[in-house]
Amino acid sequence: MSYDEIRHFADSWGLIVMVAMFLLFVAWPFRKGARRHHDEAANMIFKDDEHG
């Protein structure tokens, strides 16, 4: 593969793959059933709290 072929691939399919991955990463926290995991992570610091 020459530099031009790799550059053409990155300019076309590479961009499409990167946009798809970005959309997936943005949508991932909002999937159904993720709320429980986020609540557990948010309250993890209070798990061993002795004052309450």
PDB file of N, CA and C in Angstrom:
ATOM      1  N   MET A   1       0.836  -1.184   0.000  1.00  0.00           N
ATOM      2  CA  MET A   1       0.000   0.000   0.000  1.00  0.00           C
ATOM      3  C   MET A   1       0.878   1.245   0.000  1.00  0.00           C
ATOM      4  N   SER A   2       0.530   2.133  -0.834  1.00  0.00           N
ATOM      5  CA  SER A   2       1.282   3.387  -0.890  1.00  0.00           C
ATOM      6  C   SER A   2       0.669   4.399   0.082  1.00  0.00           C
ATOM      7  N   TYR A   3       1.385   5.451   0.270  1.00  0.00           N
ATOM      8  CA  TYR A   3       0.925   6.519   1.157  1.00  0.00           C
ATOM      9  C   TYR A   3      -0.406   7.085   0.686  1.00  0.00           C
ATOM     10  N   ASP A   4      -0.565   7.264  -0.617  1.00  0.00           N
ATOM     11  CA  ASP A   4      -1.800   7.837  -1.158  1.00  0.00           C
ATOM     12  C   ASP A   4      -3.004   6.936  -0.900  1.00  0.00           C
ATOM     13  N   GLU A   5      -2.810   5.621  -1.013  1.00  0.00           N
ATOM     14  CA  GLU A   5      -3.913   4.695  -0.744  1.00  0.00           C
ATOM     15  C   GLU A   5      -4.318   4.728   0.724  1.00  0.00           C
ATOM     16  N   ILE A   6      -3.331   4.756   1.599  1.00  0.00           N
ATOM     17  CA  ILE A   6      -3.624   4.823   3.036  1.00  0.00           C
ATOM     18  C   ILE A   6      -4.302   6.144   3.376  1.00  0.00           C
ATOM     19  N   ARG A   7      -3.844   7.212   2.794  1.00  0.00           N
ATOM     20  CA  ARG A   7      -4.430   8.530   3.035  1.00  0.00           C
ATOM     21  C   ARG A   7      -5.869   8.577   2.547  1.00  0.00           C
ATOM     22  N   HIS A   8      -6.141   8.009   1.384  1.00  0.00           N
ATOM     23  CA  HIS A   8      -7.503   7.976   0.851  1.00  0.00           C
ATOM     24  C   HIS A   8      -8.412   7.160   1.759  1.00  0.00           C
ATOM     25  N   PHE A   9      -7.928   6.013   2.238  1.00  0.00           N
ATOM     26  CA  PHE A   9      -8.711   5.181   3.144  1.00  0.00           C
ATOM     27  C   PHE A   9      -9.022   5.943   4.438  1.00  0.00           C
ATOM     28  N   ALA A  10      -8.028   6.611   5.006  1.00  0.00           N
ATOM     29  CA  ALA A  10      -8.228   7.347   6.250  1.00  0.00           C
ATOM     30  C   ALA A  10      -9.185   8.519   6.046  1.00  0.00           C
ATOM     31  N   ASP A  11      -9.119   9.159   4.903  1.00  0.00           N
ATOM     32  CA  ASP A  11      -9.997  10.293   4.638  1.00  0.00           C
ATOM     33  C   ASP A  11     -11.442   9.874   4.435  1.00  0.00           C
ATOM     34  N   SER A  12     -11.682   8.665   3.970  1.00  0.00           N
ATOM     35  CA  SER A  12     -13.060   8.249   3.719  1.00  0.00           C
ATOM     36  C   SER A  12     -13.570   7.341   4.839  1.00  0.00           C
ATOM     37  N   TRP A  13     -13.129   6.116   4.882  1.00  0.00           N
ATOM     38  CA  TRP A  13     -13.645   5.145   5.854  1.00  0.00           C
ATOM     39  C   TRP A  13     -13.192   5.452   7.266  1.00  0.00           C
ATOM     40  N   GLY A  14     -11.995   5.964   7.420  1.00  0.00           N
ATOM     41  CA  GLY A  14     -11.512   6.316   8.748  1.00  0.00           C
ATOM     42  C   GLY A  14     -12.390   7.367   9.407  1.00  0.00           C
ATOM     43  N   LEU A  15     -12.800   8.358   8.648  1.00  0.00           N
ATOM     44  CA  LEU A  15     -13.677   9.400   9.169  1.00  0.00           C
ATOM     45  C   LEU A  15     -15.029   8.819   9.566  1.00  0.00           C
ATOM     46  N   ILE A  16     -15.575   7.955   8.746  1.00  0.00           N
ATOM     47  CA  ILE A  16     -16.869   7.336   9.051  1.00  0.00           C
ATOM     48  C   ILE A  16     -16.782   6.499  10.322  1.00  0.00           C
ATOM     49  N   VAL A  17     -15.718   5.731  10.463  1.00  0.00           N
ATOM     50  CA  VAL A  17     -15.540   4.905  11.664  1.00  0.00           C
ATOM     51  C   VAL A  17     -15.389   5.778  12.901  1.00  0.00           C
ATOM     52  N   MET A  18     -14.617   6.838  12.805  1.00  0.00           N
ATOM     53  CA  MET A  18     -14.420   7.716  13.965  1.00  0.00           C
ATOM     54  C   MET A  18     -15.711   8.431  14.367  1.00  0.00           C
ATOM     55  N   VAL A  19     -16.517   8.845  13.412  1.00  0.00           N
ATOM     56  CA  VAL A  19     -17.800   9.484  13.727  1.00  0.00           C
ATOM     57  C   VAL A  19     -18.741   8.471  14.374  1.00  0.00           C
ATOM     58  N   ALA A  20     -18.770   7.245  13.864  1.00  0.00           N
ATOM     59  CA  ALA A  20     -19.619   6.210  14.445  1.00  0.00           C
ATOM     60  C   ALA A  20     -19.188   5.891  15.876  1.00  0.00           C
ATOM     61  N   MET A  21     -17.896   5.804  16.116  1.00  0.00           N
ATOM     62  CA  MET A  21     -17.405   5.546  17.470  1.00  0.00           C
ATOM     63  C   MET A  21     -17.746   6.706  18.407  1.00  0.00           C
ATOM     64  N   PHE A  22     -17.626   7.930  17.944  1.00  0.00           N
ATOM     65  CA  PHE A  22     -17.972   9.090  18.753  1.00  0.00           C
ATOM     66  C   PHE A  22     -19.449   9.040  19.151  1.00  0.00           C
ATOM     67  N   LEU A  23     -20.316   8.751  18.189  1.00  0.00           N
ATOM     68  CA  LEU A  23     -21.746   8.679  18.499  1.00  0.00           C
ATOM     69  C   LEU A  23     -22.051   7.553  19.475  1.00  0.00           C
ATOM     70  N   LEU A  24     -21.367   6.432  19.318  1.00  0.00           N
ATOM     71  CA  LEU A  24     -21.543   5.313  20.249  1.00  0.00           C
ATOM     72  C   LEU A  24     -21.100   5.708  21.655  1.00  0.00           C
ATOM     73  N   PHE A  25     -19.952   6.355  21.773  1.00  0.00           N
ATOM     74  CA  PHE A  25     -19.452   6.762  23.083  1.00  0.00           C
ATOM     75  C   PHE A  25     -20.345   7.805  23.743  1.00  0.00           C
ATOM     76  N   VAL A  26     -20.927   8.683  22.959  1.00  0.00           N
ATOM     77  CA  VAL A  26     -21.827   9.690  23.513  1.00  0.00           C
ATOM     78  C   VAL A  26     -23.143   9.051  23.959  1.00  0.00           C
ATOM     79  N   ALA A  27     -23.638   8.083  23.211  1.00  0.00           N
ATOM     80  CA  ALA A  27     -24.925   7.456  23.524  1.00  0.00           C
ATOM     81  C   ALA A  27     -24.813   6.395  24.619  1.00  0.00           C
ATOM     82  N   TRP A  28     -23.627   5.835  24.831  1.00  0.00           N
ATOM     83  CA  TRP A  28     -23.458   4.715  25.769  1.00  0.00           C
ATOM     84  C   TRP A  28     -23.959   5.020  27.188  1.00  0.00           C
ATOM     85  N   PRO A  29     -23.680   6.154  27.783  1.00  0.00           N
ATOM     86  CA  PRO A  29     -24.167   6.404  29.153  1.00  0.00           C
ATOM     87  C   PRO A  29     -25.682   6.539  29.246  1.00  0.00           C
ATOM     88  N   PHE A  30     -26.353   6.790  28.139  1.00  0.00           N
ATOM     89  CA  PHE A  30     -27.790   7.000  28.154  1.00  0.00           C
ATOM     90  C   PHE A  30     -28.588   5.758  27.784  1.00  0.00           C
ATOM     91  N   ARG A  31     -27.922   4.604  27.696  1.00  0.00           N
ATOM     92  CA  ARG A  31     -28.624   3.380  27.324  1.00  0.00           C
ATOM     93  C   ARG A  31     -29.552   2.948  28.454  1.00  0.00           C
ATOM     94  N   LYS A  32     -30.506   2.122  28.106  1.00  0.00           N
ATOM     95  CA  LYS A  32     -31.467   1.638  29.084  1.00  0.00           C
ATOM     96  C   LYS A  32     -30.755   0.748  30.101  1.00  0.00           C
ATOM     97  N   GLY A  33     -31.006   0.957  31.344  1.00  0.00           N
ATOM     98  CA  GLY A  33     -30.412   0.151  32.389  1.00  0.00           C
ATOM     99  C   GLY A  33     -29.097   0.687  32.927  1.00  0.00           C
ATOM    100  N   ALA A  34     -28.598   1.776  32.399  1.00  0.00           N
ATOM    101  CA  ALA A  34     -27.325   2.318  32.856  1.00  0.00           C
ATOM    102  C   ALA A  34     -27.477   3.152  34.124  1.00  0.00           C
ATOM    103  N   ARG A  35     -28.685   3.557  34.436  1.00  0.00           N
ATOM    104  CA  ARG A  35     -28.911   4.441  35.582  1.00  0.00           C
ATOM    105  C   ARG A  35     -28.448   3.788  36.880  1.00  0.00           C
ATOM    106  N   ARG A  36     -28.704   2.506  37.047  1.00  0.00           N
ATOM    107  CA  ARG A  36     -28.314   1.804  38.273  1.00  0.00           C
ATOM    108  C   ARG A  36     -26.799   1.837  38.446  1.00  0.00           C
ATOM    109  N   HIS A  37     -26.071   1.595  37.371  1.00  0.00           N
ATOM    110  CA  HIS A  37     -24.609   1.598  37.434  1.00  0.00           C
ATOM    111  C   HIS A  37     -24.075   2.992  37.769  1.00  0.00           C
ATOM    112  N   HIS A  38     -24.693   4.018  37.203  1.00  0.00           N
ATOM    113  CA  HIS A  38     -24.245   5.385  37.473  1.00  0.00           C
ATOM    114  C   HIS A  38     -24.562   5.782  38.914  1.00  0.00           C
ATOM    115  N   ASP A  39     -25.719   5.353  39.414  1.00  0.00           N
ATOM    116  CA  ASP A  39     -26.057   5.643  40.805  1.00  0.00           C
ATOM    117  C   ASP A  39     -25.103   4.937  41.764  1.00  0.00           C
ATOM    118  N   GLU A  40     -24.755   3.685  41.463  1.00  0.00           N
ATOM    119  CA  GLU A  40     -23.800   2.964  42.303  1.00  0.00           C
ATOM    120  C   GLU A  40     -22.441   3.667  42.308  1.00  0.00           C
ATOM    121  N   ALA A  41     -21.987   4.096  41.160  1.00  0.00           N
ATOM    122  CA  ALA A  41     -20.696   4.779  41.066  1.00  0.00           C
ATOM    123  C   ALA A  41     -20.729   6.111  41.806  1.00  0.00           C
ATOM    124  N   ALA A  42     -21.844   6.828  41.730  1.00  0.00           N
ATOM    125  CA  ALA A  42     -21.947   8.123  42.384  1.00  0.00           C
ATOM    126  C   ALA A  42     -21.969   7.992  43.899  1.00  0.00           C
ATOM    127  N   ASN A  43     -22.541   6.906  44.407  1.00  0.00           N
ATOM    128  CA  ASN A  43     -22.660   6.724  45.851  1.00  0.00           C
ATOM    129  C   ASN A  43     -21.572   5.835  46.440  1.00  0.00           C
ATOM    130  N   MET A  44     -20.629   5.397  45.642  1.00  0.00           N
ATOM    131  CA  MET A  44     -19.579   4.498  46.102  1.00  0.00           C
ATOM    132  C   MET A  44     -18.732   5.130  47.212  1.00  0.00           C
ATOM    133  N   ILE A  45     -18.504   6.430  47.152  1.00  0.00           N
ATOM    134  CA  ILE A  45     -17.664   7.075  48.158  1.00  0.00           C
ATOM    135  C   ILE A  45     -18.328   7.085  49.533  1.00  0.00           C
ATOM    136  N   PHE A  46     -19.635   6.893  49.600  1.00  0.00           N
ATOM    137  CA  PHE A  46     -20.349   6.892  50.871  1.00  0.00           C
ATOM    138  C   PHE A  46     -20.552   5.480  51.420  1.00  0.00           C
ATOM    139  N   LYS A  47     -20.052   4.479  50.744  1.00  0.00           N
ATOM    140  CA  LYS A  47     -20.303   3.084  51.103  1.00  0.00           C
ATOM    141  C   LYS A  47     -19.809   2.757  52.523  1.00  0.00           C
ATOM    142  N   ASP A  48     -18.624   3.195  52.881  1.00  0.00           N
ATOM    143  CA  ASP A  48     -18.048   2.877  54.180  1.00  0.00           C
ATOM    144  C   ASP A  48     -18.154   4.038  55.168  1.00  0.00           C
ATOM    145  N   ASP A  49     -19.106   4.914  54.950  1.00  0.00           N
ATOM    146  CA  ASP A  49     -19.282   6.060  55.831  1.00  0.00           C
ATOM    147  C   ASP A  49     -19.887   5.611  57.142  1.00  0.00           C
ATOM    148  N   GLU A  50     -19.267   5.987  58.248  1.00  0.00           N
ATOM    149  CA  GLU A  50     -19.749   5.575  59.580  1.00  0.00           C
ATOM    150  C   GLU A  50     -20.721   6.579  60.186  1.00  0.00           C
ATOM    151  N   HIS A  51     -20.883   7.731  59.581  1.00  0.00           N
ATOM    152  CA  HIS A  51     -21.722   8.792  60.159  1.00  0.00           C
ATOM    153  C   HIS A  51     -23.039   8.926  59.406  1.00  0.00           C
ATOM    154  N   GLY A  52     -23.750   7.873  59.248  1.00  0.00           N
ATOM    155  CA  GLY A  52     -25.022   8.054  58.593  1.00  0.00           C
ATOM    156  C   GLY A  52     -25.434   6.877  57.877  1.00  0.00           C
TER     157      GLY A  52
END
